[in-house]
Amino acid sequence: MHAPNYPLAVALTELGFAIAAFACGLYAAPLWAAGLAWFGMVAYWSHTRRHMLESMRGAAWALNAAGALAVLIAIQTGAYWLGLGLGERLS
């Protein structure tokens, strides 16, 4: 099995979602705004990985989707938390 095609544009777009969550924390935006960035990242992730996800069935799909969601939540939460911490130090 070969490695999936992961273009730079996809990686930069996902980085943009993490930067959006960081900015939400930095400027003390309401939690729903960070949730919007999180939802956008999950939607983008599922769209860009749809071909790979469609080829999986059952436990493989559930395991990969759950692992990816855990990583996405960690990235977005960490970015928001870092933004909050930096925002408090700058003010």
Protein backbone atom coordinates (compact mmCIF):
# COMPACT_ATOMS: atom_id res chain seq x y z
CA MET A 1 0.00 0.00 0.00
CA HIS A 2 1.41 3.40 -0.91
CA ALA A 3 1.37 6.61 1.13
CA PRO A 4 -1.56 8.95 0.48
CA ASN A 5 -1.03 12.10 -1.54
CA TYR A 6 -0.78 14.92 1.00
CA PRO A 7 -0.21 18.18 -0.87
CA LEU A 8 1.24 21.25 0.76
CA ALA A 9 -1.99 23.19 0.20
CA VAL A 10 -3.89 20.77 2.46
CA ALA A 11 -1.27 21.07 5.19
CA LEU A 12 -1.28 24.86 5.00
CA THR A 13 -5.07 25.00 5.14
CA GLU A 14 -5.08 22.81 8.24
CA LEU A 15 -2.42 25.08 9.74
CA GLY A 16 -4.76 27.99 9.02
CA PHE A 17 -7.47 26.39 11.15
CA ALA A 18 -5.00 25.97 14.02
CA ILE A 19 -3.94 29.62 13.65
CA ALA A 20 -7.62 30.63 13.75
CA ALA A 21 -8.06 28.76 17.04
CA PHE A 22 -4.88 30.40 18.36
CA ALA A 23 -6.21 33.82 17.40
CA CYS A 24 -9.52 33.06 19.14
CA GLY A 25 -7.61 32.37 22.34
CA LEU A 26 -5.24 35.31 21.89
CA TYR A 27 -8.08 37.81 21.58
CA ALA A 28 -10.28 36.03 24.17
CA ALA A 29 -12.99 35.29 21.64
CA PRO A 30 -16.02 33.39 22.91
CA LEU A 31 -15.71 29.63 23.00
CA TRP A 32 -18.27 29.24 20.20
CA ALA A 33 -15.83 31.00 17.83
CA ALA A 34 -13.13 28.46 18.66
CA GLY A 35 -15.77 25.76 18.20
CA LEU A 36 -16.46 27.13 14.74
CA ALA A 37 -12.75 26.83 13.88
CA TRP A 38 -12.77 23.28 15.26
CA PHE A 39 -15.87 22.33 13.24
CA GLY A 40 -14.31 23.83 10.11
CA MET A 41 -11.14 21.81 10.60
CA VAL A 42 -13.08 18.57 11.12
CA ALA A 43 -15.23 19.26 8.04
CA TYR A 44 -12.15 20.06 5.95
CA TRP A 45 -10.35 16.98 7.23
CA SER A 46 -13.27 14.70 6.40
CA HIS A 47 -13.57 16.24 2.92
CA THR A 48 -9.89 15.89 2.06
CA ARG A 49 -9.74 12.31 3.37
CA ARG A 50 -13.06 11.15 1.91
CA HIS A 51 -11.52 8.77 -0.65
CA MET A 52 -9.42 7.06 1.98
CA LEU A 53 -12.33 6.88 4.44
CA GLU A 54 -14.68 5.47 1.80
CA SER A 55 -12.31 2.57 1.22
CA MET A 56 -12.41 1.55 4.89
CA ARG A 57 -15.13 -0.50 6.54
CA GLY A 58 -16.23 -1.16 10.09
CA ALA A 59 -13.60 -1.19 12.80
CA ALA A 60 -10.84 0.22 10.57
CA TRP A 61 -12.98 3.25 9.70
CA ALA A 62 -14.04 3.80 13.32
CA LEU A 63 -10.49 3.46 14.67
CA ASN A 64 -8.98 5.82 12.11
CA ALA A 65 -11.77 8.39 12.41
CA ALA A 66 -11.65 8.35 16.23
CA GLY A 67 -7.86 8.68 16.26
CA ALA A 68 -7.96 11.56 13.81
CA LEU A 69 -10.69 13.35 15.74
CA ALA A 70 -8.67 13.00 18.95
CA VAL A 71 -5.64 14.54 17.24
CA LEU A 72 -7.72 17.36 15.72
CA ILE A 73 -9.28 18.14 19.11
CA ALA A 74 -5.83 18.18 20.72
CA ILE A 75 -4.41 20.51 18.05
CA GLN A 76 -7.32 22.95 18.20
CA THR A 77 -7.55 22.91 22.00
CA GLY A 78 -3.80 23.36 22.35
CA ALA A 79 -3.75 26.25 19.90
CA TYR A 80 -6.65 27.95 21.72
CA TRP A 81 -5.00 27.38 25.10
CA LEU A 82 -1.67 28.76 23.89
CA GLY A 83 -3.47 31.81 22.53
CA LEU A 84 -5.21 32.35 25.87
CA GLY A 85 -1.92 32.09 27.75
CA LEU A 86 -0.11 34.46 25.43
CA GLY A 87 -3.02 36.88 25.42
CA GLU A 88 -2.98 37.07 29.22
CA ARG A 89 0.76 37.72 29.26
CA LEU A 90 0.53 40.49 26.64
CA SER A 91 -2.29 42.38 28.37
